[in-house]
Amino acid sequence: MAAPNTPQVDVVELDGLVVLKIIKHCQGALPGFVTGQLLGLDIGRTLEVTNCFPFPNKEDTEARAEGAEEDEDGAEYQMEMMRCLREVNVDNNTVGWYQSTYFSSFIEDSCIETQFNYQENIKNCVVIIYDPSRTRATGMTLRAFRLTDTFMALYKEGKFTLDSLASANLSTSDVFQELPIRVRNSHLNSALLLELQDECGANPNHSDFQRLELHTNPFLEKQMQLLIECIDDLQQESNKLQHHERNVQRQKIAQQQYLLKKKGDAQARMLKGDEPLPEEDLANNPLFKPIPQPSRLESLLITNQMQAYCQQINQFSGQSFAKLFLMQSLNNVGPQV
C-alpha cells in the first residue's frame, strides 16, 4: 500500500524515449489495442516516467505452454522484466501503465478496474492514453489520467446507487482527473537532435501545411457515430432504472393490500370473539424484502464517455472553424494589381 503522507502529483514528466516507445508499440499493433508498464519515480509533485516496456498480447500468451493462466503469465513477465532492468541499473519502480485507444473510447470497466488496482497499491500512479486515430487527425494525442479520490472510495465500497452518488456529490466529470504532461530530453539527446537536424537539412520552422486540411467529415462522422452508440447504451441503462422503479411501486401496492387484508382479518376475528393472530415478523416476508437498486456505475461511465466525445467534437470543430475563416479571408483578398 502507498504511504498515506505521500503528496499527490500534479504533473507527469515523460522522457522523450518513453514517448517514442509508447508510440512505436501502439502504432505497430494497429488495428489492435495494447498495454504496457510505466517505470519511474515520483519526486515531490512531479511524476517522472523514465522507462516503459510492453505487455505481451493475447496471441503471445496463447502461444505459451498449455495449462498456464494468462494473468499468471503476465505477472511473471512483469517481474522478470523488472528484474532484468534492475540488473542493468535502470529504473524499475512501477508508476502506472499505458494503453492505446480508439477515439478516446477508453472509459470502460476494464480500464477502471486496472487503474483502481494500480492506484490502490501505488498512490501516485497514472494511466497514459495514446490515441493513434486522433493523432492522424489532430496531432499527437497523449494524455495522463488518474481516478479521483471520491470515485476511488465509492468503487472500493462497490455501491453505485442513486443515494450513494448523491451523498458523495459525484458528478460525471469526477471519475478521471487529467494531469498535464511535459516531455523532457537529456542534454545529450538535445545535442544529437541538433546534429541530425543539420545533417538532414531539416528546417525547424518549416510550415506543416497538413494542419490546413479542411476535410473534416470522416473525423466528425465517426465521433457522432460513437456518440449515438453511447446514447443507445445510456437509454438501455435508463430502461433498467425505470424497470426497477416500476417493481418498487408494484411492491408498495402489494404491501398495502397485504396489510389491509391482515387488518380486515383481525377485525373479523375480533367480531367473532376469536383470539387475535400472533404478530407476524414482516422482515421474513418476501413481500417486504427491499428490491436491490441497479448499479449506476455503467451509466456513470457512459455519461463520462459522452462528455469526452463532446469535448473532442467541440475542440475539433473550433479548430475547423478557425481554418475556414482563415481560408475565407485568403479568398476575399483579391490579386494585387
C-alpha atoms as a PDB file:
ATOM      1  CA  MET A   1       0.000   0.000   0.000  1.00  0.00           C
ATOM      2  CA  ALA A   2       1.096   3.556  -0.674  1.00  0.00           C
ATOM      3  CA  ALA A   3       2.240   5.781   2.164  1.00  0.00           C
ATOM      4  CA  PRO A   4      -0.637   7.994   3.342  1.00  0.00           C
ATOM      5  CA  ASN A   5       1.565  11.087   3.671  1.00  0.00           C
ATOM      6  CA  THR A   6       2.821  10.937   0.090  1.00  0.00           C
ATOM      7  CA  PRO A   7       1.782  14.162  -1.699  1.00  0.00           C
ATOM      8  CA  GLN A   8      -0.284  13.799  -4.843  1.00  0.00           C
ATOM      9  CA  VAL A   9       1.489  14.567  -8.076  1.00  0.00           C
ATOM     10  CA  ASP A  10       0.297  17.476 -10.204  1.00  0.00           C
ATOM     11  CA  VAL A  11       2.250  16.908 -13.406  1.00  0.00           C
ATOM     12  CA  VAL A  12       3.582  13.930 -15.374  1.00  0.00           C
ATOM     13  CA  GLU A  13       7.031  14.310 -16.919  1.00  0.00           C
ATOM     14  CA  LEU A  14       7.775  11.854 -19.716  1.00  0.00           C
ATOM     15  CA  ASP A  15      11.196  11.129 -21.061  1.00  0.00           C
ATOM     16  CA  GLY A  16      11.410  11.520 -24.833  1.00  0.00           C
ATOM     17  CA  LEU A  17      12.440   7.879 -25.200  1.00  0.00           C
ATOM     18  CA  VAL A  18       9.302   6.781 -23.311  1.00  0.00           C
ATOM     19  CA  VAL A  19       7.117   8.743 -25.719  1.00  0.00           C
ATOM     20  CA  LEU A  20       8.796   7.109 -28.719  1.00  0.00           C
ATOM     21  CA  LYS A  21       8.448   3.621 -27.198  1.00  0.00           C
ATOM     22  CA  ILE A  22       4.735   4.109 -26.491  1.00  0.00           C
ATOM     23  CA  ILE A  23       4.039   5.446 -29.973  1.00  0.00           C
ATOM     24  CA  LYS A  24       6.012   2.669 -31.667  1.00  0.00           C
ATOM     25  CA  HIS A  25       4.295  -0.062 -29.643  1.00  0.00           C
ATOM     26  CA  CYS A  26       0.784   1.307 -30.199  1.00  0.00           C
ATOM     27  CA  GLN A  27       1.281   2.093 -33.893  1.00  0.00           C
ATOM     28  CA  GLY A  28       2.876  -1.284 -34.606  1.00  0.00           C
ATOM     29  CA  ALA A  29      -0.057  -3.183 -33.052  1.00  0.00           C
ATOM     30  CA  LEU A  30      -2.799  -1.481 -35.100  1.00  0.00           C
ATOM     31  CA  PRO A  31      -5.665  -2.231 -35.525  1.00  0.00           C
ATOM     32  CA  GLY A  32      -5.365  -3.989 -32.165  1.00  0.00           C
ATOM     33  CA  PHE A  33      -5.029  -2.352 -28.767  1.00  0.00           C
ATOM     34  CA  VAL A  34      -2.025  -2.866 -26.495  1.00  0.00           C
ATOM     35  CA  THR A  35      -0.925  -2.051 -22.961  1.00  0.00           C
ATOM     36  CA  GLY A  36       2.377  -1.617 -21.174  1.00  0.00           C
ATOM     37  CA  GLN A  37       4.065  -0.722 -17.899  1.00  0.00           C
ATOM     38  CA  LEU A  38       5.431   2.682 -16.886  1.00  0.00           C
ATOM     39  CA  LEU A  39       8.554   2.922 -14.750  1.00  0.00           C
ATOM     40  CA  GLY A  40       9.990   5.900 -12.965  1.00  0.00           C
ATOM     41  CA  LEU A  41       9.788   7.805  -9.695  1.00  0.00           C
ATOM     42  CA  ASP A  42       7.603  10.454  -8.071  1.00  0.00           C
ATOM     43  CA  ILE A  43       9.639  13.402  -6.855  1.00  0.00           C
ATOM     44  CA  GLY A  44       7.596  15.910  -4.918  1.00  0.00           C
ATOM     45  CA  ARG A  45       4.553  16.723  -7.014  1.00  0.00           C
ATOM     46  CA  THR A  46       6.129  15.563 -10.289  1.00  0.00           C
ATOM     47  CA  LEU A  47       5.821  12.030 -11.572  1.00  0.00           C
ATOM     48  CA  GLU A  48       8.889  11.283 -13.679  1.00  0.00           C
ATOM     49  CA  VAL A  49       8.441   8.437 -16.174  1.00  0.00           C
ATOM     50  CA  THR A  50      11.871   7.360 -17.366  1.00  0.00           C
ATOM     51  CA  ASN A  51      11.210   3.958 -18.951  1.00  0.00           C
ATOM     52  CA  CYS A  52       8.472   1.589 -20.088  1.00  0.00           C
ATOM     53  CA  PHE A  53       8.014  -1.865 -21.556  1.00  0.00           C
ATOM     54  CA  PRO A  54       5.096  -3.522 -23.391  1.00  0.00           C
ATOM     55  CA  PHE A  55       2.874  -6.254 -22.016  1.00  0.00           C
ATOM     56  CA  PRO A  56       2.560  -9.447 -24.090  1.00  0.00           C
ATOM     57  CA  ASN A  57      -0.569  -9.511 -26.194  1.00  0.00           C
ATOM     58  CA  LYS A  58      -3.128 -12.312 -26.250  1.00  0.00           C
ATOM     59  CA  GLU A  59      -1.502 -14.040 -29.205  1.00  0.00           C
ATOM     60  CA  ASP A  60       1.752 -14.295 -27.263  1.00  0.00           C
ATOM     61  CA  THR A  61       0.076 -15.725 -24.175  1.00  0.00           C
ATOM     62  CA  GLU A  62      -1.929 -18.253 -26.185  1.00  0.00           C
ATOM     63  CA  ALA A  63       1.286 -19.481 -27.812  1.00  0.00           C
ATOM     64  CA  ARG A  64       2.770 -20.383 -24.454  1.00  0.00           C
ATOM     65  CA  ALA A  65       2.610 -23.758 -22.727  1.00  0.00           C
ATOM     66  CA  GLU A  66      -0.881 -25.081 -22.103  1.00  0.00           C
ATOM     67  CA  GLY A  67      -2.227 -25.007 -18.553  1.00  0.00           C
ATOM     68  CA  ALA A  68      -0.669 -21.655 -17.646  1.00  0.00           C
ATOM     69  CA  GLU A  69      -3.115 -18.911 -16.783  1.00  0.00           C
ATOM     70  CA  GLU A  70      -2.922 -15.654 -18.716  1.00  0.00           C
ATOM     71  CA  ASP A  71      -2.835 -13.481 -15.569  1.00  0.00           C
ATOM     72  CA  GLU A  72      -0.056 -15.564 -14.041  1.00  0.00           C
ATOM     73  CA  ASP A  73       1.934 -15.349 -17.264  1.00  0.00           C
ATOM     74  CA  GLY A  74       1.509 -11.569 -17.296  1.00  0.00           C
ATOM     75  CA  ALA A  75       2.633 -11.244 -13.683  1.00  0.00           C
ATOM     76  CA  GLU A  76       5.679 -13.460 -14.253  1.00  0.00           C
ATOM     77  CA  TYR A  77       6.565 -11.467 -17.375  1.00  0.00           C
ATOM     78  CA  GLN A  78       6.402  -8.186 -15.466  1.00  0.00           C
ATOM     79  CA  MET A  79       8.527  -9.486 -12.600  1.00  0.00           C
ATOM     80  CA  GLU A  80      11.107 -10.896 -14.994  1.00  0.00           C
ATOM     81  CA  MET A  81      11.302  -7.639 -16.952  1.00  0.00           C
ATOM     82  CA  MET A  82      11.697  -5.569 -13.792  1.00  0.00           C
ATOM     83  CA  ARG A  83      14.392  -7.952 -12.503  1.00  0.00           C
ATOM     84  CA  CYS A  84      16.315  -7.602 -15.768  1.00  0.00           C
ATOM     85  CA  LEU A  85      16.026  -3.822 -15.658  1.00  0.00           C
ATOM     86  CA  ARG A  86      17.246  -3.778 -12.065  1.00  0.00           C
ATOM     87  CA  GLU A  87      20.299  -5.826 -13.031  1.00  0.00           C
ATOM     88  CA  VAL A  88      21.317  -3.240 -15.639  1.00  0.00           C
ATOM     89  CA  ASN A  89      20.703  -0.363 -13.191  1.00  0.00           C
ATOM     90  CA  VAL A  90      17.591   1.015 -14.899  1.00  0.00           C
ATOM     91  CA  ASP A  91      14.623   2.494 -13.031  1.00  0.00           C
ATOM     92  CA  ASN A  92      12.255  -0.345 -12.167  1.00  0.00           C
ATOM     93  CA  ASN A  93       9.715   1.373  -9.898  1.00  0.00           C
ATOM     94  CA  THR A  94       6.171   0.996 -11.214  1.00  0.00           C
ATOM     95  CA  VAL A  95       4.413   4.347 -11.633  1.00  0.00           C
ATOM     96  CA  GLY A  96       1.470   3.268 -13.805  1.00  0.00           C
ATOM     97  CA  TRP A  97       0.630   1.792 -17.163  1.00  0.00           C
ATOM     98  CA  TYR A  98      -0.284   2.877 -20.683  1.00  0.00           C
ATOM     99  CA  GLN A  99      -2.745   1.710 -23.302  1.00  0.00           C
ATOM    100  CA  SER A 100      -3.833   2.579 -26.817  1.00  0.00           C
ATOM    101  CA  THR A 101      -7.408   3.505 -27.614  1.00  0.00           C
ATOM    102  CA  TYR A 102      -9.717   4.411 -30.483  1.00  0.00           C
ATOM    103  CA  PHE A 103     -11.041   7.981 -30.484  1.00  0.00           C
ATOM    104  CA  SER A 104     -10.639   8.129 -26.668  1.00  0.00           C
ATOM    105  CA  SER A 105     -13.012   5.186 -26.109  1.00  0.00           C
ATOM    106  CA  PHE A 106     -11.139   4.045 -23.006  1.00  0.00           C
ATOM    107  CA  ILE A 107     -13.683   4.818 -20.273  1.00  0.00           C
ATOM    108  CA  GLU A 108     -14.909   1.295 -19.554  1.00  0.00           C
ATOM    109  CA  ASP A 109     -14.982  -1.258 -16.754  1.00  0.00           C
ATOM    110  CA  SER A 110     -11.681  -2.939 -17.620  1.00  0.00           C
ATOM    111  CA  CYS A 111      -9.740   0.343 -17.623  1.00  0.00           C
ATOM    112  CA  ILE A 112     -11.384   1.456 -14.372  1.00  0.00           C
ATOM    113  CA  GLU A 113     -10.630  -1.846 -12.641  1.00  0.00           C
ATOM    114  CA  THR A 114      -6.993  -1.890 -13.758  1.00  0.00           C
ATOM    115  CA  GLN A 115      -6.364   1.697 -12.712  1.00  0.00           C
ATOM    116  CA  PHE A 116      -8.120   1.097  -9.386  1.00  0.00           C
ATOM    117  CA  ASN A 117      -5.841  -1.880  -8.655  1.00  0.00           C
ATOM    118  CA  TYR A 118      -2.761   0.185  -9.516  1.00  0.00           C
ATOM    119  CA  GLN A 119      -3.906   3.200  -7.534  1.00  0.00           C
ATOM    120  CA  GLU A 120      -4.975   1.115  -4.541  1.00  0.00           C
ATOM    121  CA  ASN A 121      -1.414  -0.149  -4.121  1.00  0.00           C
ATOM    122  CA  ILE A 122       0.540   2.804  -5.516  1.00  0.00           C
ATOM    123  CA  LYS A 123      -0.898   6.203  -4.702  1.00  0.00           C
ATOM    124  CA  ASN A 124       0.911   8.233  -7.348  1.00  0.00           C
ATOM    125  CA  CYS A 125       0.345   6.185 -10.470  1.00  0.00           C
ATOM    126  CA  VAL A 126      -1.302   7.172 -13.725  1.00  0.00           C
ATOM    127  CA  VAL A 127      -2.536   5.689 -16.957  1.00  0.00           C
ATOM    128  CA  ILE A 128      -1.181   7.153 -20.191  1.00  0.00           C
ATOM    129  CA  ILE A 129      -3.672   7.045 -23.070  1.00  0.00           C
ATOM    130  CA  TYR A 130      -2.359   7.186 -26.638  1.00  0.00           C
ATOM    131  CA  ASP A 131      -4.890   7.591 -29.430  1.00  0.00           C
ATOM    132  CA  PRO A 132      -3.463   6.771 -32.893  1.00  0.00           C
ATOM    133  CA  SER A 133      -6.737   7.680 -34.644  1.00  0.00           C
ATOM    134  CA  ARG A 134      -6.822  11.199 -33.208  1.00  0.00           C
ATOM    135  CA  THR A 135      -3.093  11.581 -33.787  1.00  0.00           C
ATOM    136  CA  ARG A 136      -3.632  11.256 -37.542  1.00  0.00           C
ATOM    137  CA  ALA A 137      -6.431  13.831 -37.466  1.00  0.00           C
ATOM    138  CA  THR A 138      -5.399  16.447 -34.902  1.00  0.00           C
ATOM    139  CA  GLY A 139      -1.764  15.787 -33.989  1.00  0.00           C
ATOM    140  CA  MET A 140      -0.143  13.618 -31.324  1.00  0.00           C
ATOM    141  CA  THR A 141      -2.661  12.733 -28.604  1.00  0.00           C
ATOM    142  CA  LEU A 142      -1.013  11.630 -25.375  1.00  0.00           C
ATOM    143  CA  ARG A 143      -2.948  12.136 -22.128  1.00  0.00           C
ATOM    144  CA  ALA A 144      -2.428  11.171 -18.478  1.00  0.00           C
ATOM    145  CA  PHE A 145      -5.275  10.260 -16.110  1.00  0.00           C
ATOM    146  CA  ARG A 146      -5.878   9.016 -12.604  1.00  0.00           C
ATOM    147  CA  LEU A 147      -9.040   8.194 -10.667  1.00  0.00           C
ATOM    148  CA  THR A 148     -10.362  10.820  -8.266  1.00  0.00           C
ATOM    149  CA  ASP A 149     -10.376  10.126  -4.533  1.00  0.00           C
ATOM    150  CA  THR A 150     -14.179  10.318  -4.377  1.00  0.00           C
ATOM    151  CA  PHE A 151     -14.602   7.722  -7.104  1.00  0.00           C
ATOM    152  CA  MET A 152     -11.940   5.506  -5.517  1.00  0.00           C
ATOM    153  CA  ALA A 153     -13.861   5.471  -2.226  1.00  0.00           C
ATOM    154  CA  LEU A 154     -17.151   4.595  -3.948  1.00  0.00           C
ATOM    155  CA  TYR A 155     -15.553   1.929  -6.144  1.00  0.00           C
ATOM    156  CA  LYS A 156     -13.953   0.334  -3.104  1.00  0.00           C
ATOM    157  CA  GLU A 157     -17.347   0.071  -1.407  1.00  0.00           C
ATOM    158  CA  GLY A 158     -18.932  -1.240  -4.598  1.00  0.00           C
ATOM    159  CA  LYS A 159     -22.129   0.769  -4.060  1.00  0.00           C
ATOM    160  CA  PHE A 160     -23.126   2.898  -7.021  1.00  0.00           C
ATOM    161  CA  THR A 161     -26.769   3.537  -6.185  1.00  0.00           C
ATOM    162  CA  LEU A 162     -28.559   6.843  -6.633  1.00  0.00           C
ATOM    163  CA  ASP A 163     -28.366   7.514  -2.892  1.00  0.00           C
ATOM    164  CA  SER A 164     -24.618   6.821  -2.681  1.00  0.00           C
ATOM    165  CA  LEU A 165     -23.871   9.004  -5.705  1.00  0.00           C
ATOM    166  CA  ALA A 166     -25.992  11.830  -4.266  1.00  0.00           C
ATOM    167  CA  SER A 167     -24.400  11.600  -0.791  1.00  0.00           C
ATOM    168  CA  ALA A 168     -20.892  11.602  -2.314  1.00  0.00           C
ATOM    169  CA  ASN A 169     -21.835  14.510  -4.617  1.00  0.00           C
ATOM    170  CA  LEU A 170     -20.195  12.654  -7.509  1.00  0.00           C
ATOM    171  CA  SER A 171     -20.770  14.073 -10.973  1.00  0.00           C
ATOM    172  CA  THR A 172     -19.928  12.625 -14.378  1.00  0.00           C
ATOM    173  CA  SER A 173     -16.719  14.669 -14.522  1.00  0.00           C
ATOM    174  CA  ASP A 174     -15.410  13.290 -11.211  1.00  0.00           C
ATOM    175  CA  VAL A 175     -14.363   9.854 -12.468  1.00  0.00           C
ATOM    176  CA  PHE A 176     -10.991  10.682 -14.031  1.00  0.00           C
ATOM    177  CA  GLN A 177      -8.664  13.551 -13.303  1.00  0.00           C
ATOM    178  CA  GLU A 178      -6.427  14.583 -16.181  1.00  0.00           C
ATOM    179  CA  LEU A 179      -2.871  15.624 -15.419  1.00  0.00           C
ATOM    180  CA  PRO A 180      -0.697  17.833 -17.628  1.00  0.00           C
ATOM    181  CA  ILE A 181       2.158  16.141 -19.465  1.00  0.00           C
ATOM    182  CA  ARG A 182       5.650  17.512 -20.001  1.00  0.00           C
ATOM    183  CA  VAL A 183       8.166  15.877 -22.321  1.00  0.00           C
ATOM    184  CA  ARG A 184      11.833  16.330 -21.478  1.00  0.00           C
ATOM    185  CA  ASN A 185      15.045  15.239 -23.145  1.00  0.00           C
ATOM    186  CA  SER A 186      18.523  14.998 -21.740  1.00  0.00           C
ATOM    187  CA  HIS A 187      21.169  17.419 -22.945  1.00  0.00           C
ATOM    188  CA  LEU A 188      22.844  14.636 -24.940  1.00  0.00           C
ATOM    189  CA  ASN A 189      19.583  13.856 -26.715  1.00  0.00           C
ATOM    190  CA  SER A 190      19.031  17.528 -27.488  1.00  0.00           C
ATOM    191  CA  ALA A 191      22.554  17.823 -28.890  1.00  0.00           C
ATOM    192  CA  LEU A 192      22.002  14.702 -31.031  1.00  0.00           C
ATOM    193  CA  LEU A 193      18.751  16.139 -32.411  1.00  0.00           C
ATOM    194  CA  LEU A 194      20.524  19.369 -33.339  1.00  0.00           C
ATOM    195  CA  GLU A 195      23.237  17.411 -35.150  1.00  0.00           C
ATOM    196  CA  LEU A 196      20.694  15.314 -37.030  1.00  0.00           C
ATOM    197  CA  GLN A 197      18.812  18.470 -37.909  1.00  0.00           C
ATOM    198  CA  ASP A 198      21.921  19.931 -39.541  1.00  0.00           C
ATOM    199  CA  GLU A 199      22.875  16.680 -41.287  1.00  0.00           C
ATOM    200  CA  CYS A 200      19.395  16.037 -42.676  1.00  0.00           C
ATOM    201  CA  GLY A 201      18.859  19.670 -43.615  1.00  0.00           C
ATOM    202  CA  ALA A 202      15.592  19.815 -41.670  1.00  0.00           C
ATOM    203  CA  ASN A 203      14.145  23.243 -41.043  1.00  0.00           C
ATOM    204  CA  PRO A 204      12.551  23.524 -37.567  1.00  0.00           C
ATOM    205  CA  ASN A 205      10.445  26.464 -38.782  1.00  0.00           C
ATOM    206  CA  HIS A 206       9.168  24.570 -41.801  1.00  0.00           C
ATOM    207  CA  SER A 207       5.440  25.025 -42.242  1.00  0.00           C
ATOM    208  CA  ASP A 208       3.203  21.985 -41.854  1.00  0.00           C
ATOM    209  CA  PHE A 209       0.526  22.571 -44.477  1.00  0.00           C
ATOM    210  CA  GLN A 210      -1.329  19.441 -43.399  1.00  0.00           C
ATOM    211  CA  ARG A 211      -2.643  21.466 -40.496  1.00  0.00           C
ATOM    212  CA  LEU A 212      -4.680  23.467 -43.027  1.00  0.00           C
ATOM    213  CA  GLU A 213      -6.547  20.362 -44.205  1.00  0.00           C
ATOM    214  CA  LEU A 214     -10.236  21.292 -44.479  1.00  0.00           C
ATOM    215  CA  HIS A 215     -11.628  17.795 -44.998  1.00  0.00           C
ATOM    216  CA  THR A 216     -13.099  17.103 -41.534  1.00  0.00           C
ATOM    217  CA  ASN A 217     -16.091  14.923 -42.361  1.00  0.00           C
ATOM    218  CA  PRO A 218     -14.585  11.476 -41.531  1.00  0.00           C
ATOM    219  CA  PHE A 219     -13.456  12.533 -38.059  1.00  0.00           C
ATOM    220  CA  LEU A 220     -16.721  14.248 -37.124  1.00  0.00           C
ATOM    221  CA  GLU A 221     -18.844  11.463 -38.594  1.00  0.00           C
ATOM    222  CA  LYS A 222     -17.027   8.854 -36.520  1.00  0.00           C
ATOM    223  CA  GLN A 223     -17.342  10.956 -33.394  1.00  0.00           C
ATOM    224  CA  MET A 224     -21.089  11.376 -33.954  1.00  0.00           C
ATOM    225  CA  GLN A 225     -21.469   7.640 -34.589  1.00  0.00           C
ATOM    226  CA  LEU A 226     -19.712   6.797 -31.326  1.00  0.00           C
ATOM    227  CA  LEU A 227     -21.805   9.390 -29.512  1.00  0.00           C
ATOM    228  CA  ILE A 228     -25.028   7.864 -30.858  1.00  0.00           C
ATOM    229  CA  GLU A 229     -23.908   4.419 -29.686  1.00  0.00           C
ATOM    230  CA  CYS A 230     -23.329   5.834 -26.206  1.00  0.00           C
ATOM    231  CA  ILE A 231     -26.807   7.380 -26.233  1.00  0.00           C
ATOM    232  CA  ASP A 232     -28.306   3.982 -27.087  1.00  0.00           C
ATOM    233  CA  ASP A 233     -26.363   2.347 -24.239  1.00  0.00           C
ATOM    234  CA  LEU A 234     -27.475   5.084 -21.857  1.00  0.00           C
ATOM    235  CA  GLN A 235     -31.089   4.530 -22.900  1.00  0.00           C
ATOM    236  CA  GLN A 236     -30.770   0.841 -22.016  1.00  0.00           C
ATOM    237  CA  GLU A 237     -29.416   1.744 -18.575  1.00  0.00           C
ATOM    238  CA  SER A 238     -32.289   4.179 -18.142  1.00  0.00           C
ATOM    239  CA  ASN A 239     -34.757   1.408 -19.006  1.00  0.00           C
ATOM    240  CA  LYS A 240     -33.222  -0.756 -16.265  1.00  0.00           C
ATOM    241  CA  LEU A 241     -33.740   2.030 -13.738  1.00  0.00           C
ATOM    242  CA  GLN A 242     -37.339   2.569 -14.868  1.00  0.00           C
ATOM    243  CA  HIS A 243     -37.975  -1.172 -14.587  1.00  0.00           C
ATOM    244  CA  HIS A 244     -36.657  -1.087 -11.020  1.00  0.00           C
ATOM    245  CA  GLU A 245     -38.919   1.874 -10.160  1.00  0.00           C
ATOM    246  CA  ARG A 246     -41.953   0.049 -11.536  1.00  0.00           C
ATOM    247  CA  ASN A 247     -41.105  -3.024  -9.482  1.00  0.00           C
ATOM    248  CA  VAL A 248     -40.785  -0.883  -6.343  1.00  0.00           C
ATOM    249  CA  GLN A 249     -44.198   0.691  -6.977  1.00  0.00           C
ATOM    250  CA  ARG A 250     -45.772  -2.731  -7.505  1.00  0.00           C
ATOM    251  CA  GLN A 251     -44.216  -3.953  -4.282  1.00  0.00           C
ATOM    252  CA  LYS A 252     -45.561  -0.965  -2.345  1.00  0.00           C
ATOM    253  CA  ILE A 253     -49.073  -1.591  -3.683  1.00  0.00           C
ATOM    254  CA  ALA A 254     -48.844  -5.285  -2.814  1.00  0.00           C
ATOM    255  CA  GLN A 255     -47.623  -4.403   0.696  1.00  0.00           C
ATOM    256  CA  GLN A 256     -50.560  -2.046   1.249  1.00  0.00           C
ATOM    257  CA  GLN A 257     -53.028  -4.660   0.043  1.00  0.00           C
ATOM    258  CA  TYR A 258     -51.458  -7.293   2.311  1.00  0.00           C
ATOM    259  CA  LEU A 259     -51.617  -5.017   5.364  1.00  0.00           C
ATOM    260  CA  LEU A 260     -55.244  -4.069   4.643  1.00  0.00           C
ATOM    261  CA  LYS A 261     -56.144  -7.735   4.303  1.00  0.00           C
ATOM    262  CA  LYS A 262     -54.476  -8.574   7.623  1.00  0.00           C
ATOM    263  CA  LYS A 263     -56.270  -5.682   9.287  1.00  0.00           C
ATOM    264  CA  GLY A 264     -59.601  -6.866   7.900  1.00  0.00           C
ATOM    265  CA  ASP A 265     -58.936 -10.435   9.074  1.00  0.00           C
ATOM    266  CA  ALA A 266     -58.046  -9.185  12.544  1.00  0.00           C
ATOM    267  CA  GLN A 267     -61.285  -7.167  12.784  1.00  0.00           C
ATOM    268  CA  ALA A 268     -63.332 -10.170  11.581  1.00  0.00           C
ATOM    269  CA  ARG A 269     -61.782 -12.435  14.246  1.00  0.00           C
ATOM    270  CA  MET A 270     -62.454  -9.789  16.881  1.00  0.00           C
ATOM    271  CA  LEU A 271     -66.141  -9.659  15.934  1.00  0.00           C
ATOM    272  CA  LYS A 272     -66.385 -13.461  16.132  1.00  0.00           C
ATOM    273  CA  GLY A 273     -64.714 -13.454  19.531  1.00  0.00           C
ATOM    274  CA  ASP A 274     -61.690 -15.422  18.352  1.00  0.00           C
ATOM    275  CA  GLU A 275     -58.225 -14.826  19.699  1.00  0.00           C
ATOM    276  CA  PRO A 276     -56.124 -12.450  17.609  1.00  0.00           C
ATOM    277  CA  LEU A 277     -53.447 -13.952  15.411  1.00  0.00           C
ATOM    278  CA  PRO A 278     -49.835 -13.685  16.629  1.00  0.00           C
ATOM    279  CA  GLU A 279     -47.901 -10.758  15.261  1.00  0.00           C
ATOM    280  CA  GLU A 280     -46.057 -11.605  12.040  1.00  0.00           C
ATOM    281  CA  ASP A 281     -42.433 -10.699  11.525  1.00  0.00           C
ATOM    282  CA  LEU A 282     -42.707  -8.751   8.277  1.00  0.00           C
ATOM    283  CA  ALA A 283     -38.918  -8.835   7.845  1.00  0.00           C
ATOM    284  CA  ASN A 284     -39.130 -12.536   6.971  1.00  0.00           C
ATOM    285  CA  ASN A 285     -41.940 -11.963   4.492  1.00  0.00           C
ATOM    286  CA  PRO A 286     -40.508 -11.940   0.936  1.00  0.00           C
ATOM    287  CA  LEU A 287     -43.113  -9.338   0.050  1.00  0.00           C
ATOM    288  CA  PHE A 288     -41.412  -6.824   2.353  1.00  0.00           C
ATOM    289  CA  LYS A 289     -37.822  -7.516   1.335  1.00  0.00           C
ATOM    290  CA  PRO A 290     -36.350  -4.444  -0.375  1.00  0.00           C
ATOM    291  CA  ILE A 291     -35.604  -4.737  -4.065  1.00  0.00           C
ATOM    292  CA  PRO A 292     -31.885  -4.037  -4.659  1.00  0.00           C
ATOM    293  CA  GLN A 293     -31.189  -0.952  -6.718  1.00  0.00           C
ATOM    294  CA  PRO A 294     -29.366  -1.425 -10.021  1.00  0.00           C
ATOM    295  CA  SER A 295     -25.789  -0.229 -10.128  1.00  0.00           C
ATOM    296  CA  ARG A 296     -25.337   3.189 -11.699  1.00  0.00           C
ATOM    297  CA  LEU A 297     -21.653   2.609 -12.463  1.00  0.00           C
ATOM    298  CA  GLU A 298     -22.291   1.781 -16.118  1.00  0.00           C
ATOM    299  CA  SER A 299     -24.440   4.895 -16.556  1.00  0.00           C
ATOM    300  CA  LEU A 300     -21.758   6.999 -14.891  1.00  0.00           C
ATOM    301  CA  LEU A 301     -19.072   5.678 -17.241  1.00  0.00           C
ATOM    302  CA  ILE A 302     -21.280   6.110 -20.316  1.00  0.00           C
ATOM    303  CA  THR A 303     -22.077   9.739 -19.470  1.00  0.00           C
ATOM    304  CA  ASN A 304     -18.385  10.362 -18.803  1.00  0.00           C
ATOM    305  CA  GLN A 305     -17.538   8.857 -22.195  1.00  0.00           C
ATOM    306  CA  MET A 306     -20.204  11.013 -23.875  1.00  0.00           C
ATOM    307  CA  GLN A 307     -18.704  14.076 -22.235  1.00  0.00           C
ATOM    308  CA  ALA A 308     -15.289  13.134 -23.622  1.00  0.00           C
ATOM    309  CA  TYR A 309     -16.744  12.742 -27.138  1.00  0.00           C
ATOM    310  CA  CYS A 310     -18.489  16.119 -26.900  1.00  0.00           C
ATOM    311  CA  GLN A 311     -15.273  17.800 -25.788  1.00  0.00           C
ATOM    312  CA  GLN A 312     -13.431  16.286 -28.758  1.00  0.00           C
ATOM    313  CA  ILE A 313     -16.131  17.424 -31.183  1.00  0.00           C
ATOM    314  CA  ASN A 314     -16.111  20.913 -29.681  1.00  0.00           C
ATOM    315  CA  GLN A 315     -12.329  21.163 -29.821  1.00  0.00           C
ATOM    316  CA  PHE A 316     -12.040  19.800 -33.338  1.00  0.00           C
ATOM    317  CA  SER A 317     -14.913  21.944 -34.618  1.00  0.00           C
ATOM    318  CA  GLY A 318     -13.324  25.056 -33.140  1.00  0.00           C
ATOM    319  CA  GLN A 319     -10.086  24.342 -34.992  1.00  0.00           C
ATOM    320  CA  SER A 320     -12.015  23.635 -38.200  1.00  0.00           C
ATOM    321  CA  PHE A 321     -13.901  26.928 -37.973  1.00  0.00           C
ATOM    322  CA  ALA A 322     -10.616  28.770 -37.497  1.00  0.00           C
ATOM    323  CA  LYS A 323      -9.281  27.133 -40.693  1.00  0.00           C
ATOM    324  CA  LEU A 324     -12.444  28.014 -42.609  1.00  0.00           C
ATOM    325  CA  PHE A 325     -12.347  31.663 -41.529  1.00  0.00           C
ATOM    326  CA  LEU A 326      -8.656  31.786 -42.461  1.00  0.00           C
ATOM    327  CA  MET A 327      -9.375  30.405 -45.939  1.00  0.00           C
ATOM    328  CA  GLN A 328     -12.286  32.801 -46.330  1.00  0.00           C
ATOM    329  CA  SER A 329     -10.009  35.732 -45.530  1.00  0.00           C
ATOM    330  CA  LEU A 330      -7.429  34.489 -48.036  1.00  0.00           C
ATOM    331  CA  ASN A 331     -10.051  34.078 -50.727  1.00  0.00           C
ATOM    332  CA  ASN A 332     -11.509  37.532 -50.112  1.00  0.00           C
ATOM    333  CA  VAL A 333      -8.129  39.122 -50.713  1.00  0.00           C
ATOM    334  CA  GLY A 334      -8.102  39.701 -54.474  1.00  0.00           C
ATOM    335  CA  PRO A 335      -4.987  39.556 -56.625  1.00  0.00           C
ATOM    336  CA  GLN A 336      -2.739  42.530 -56.232  1.00  0.00           C
ATOM    337  CA  VAL A 337      -2.519  44.639 -59.366  1.00  0.00           C
END
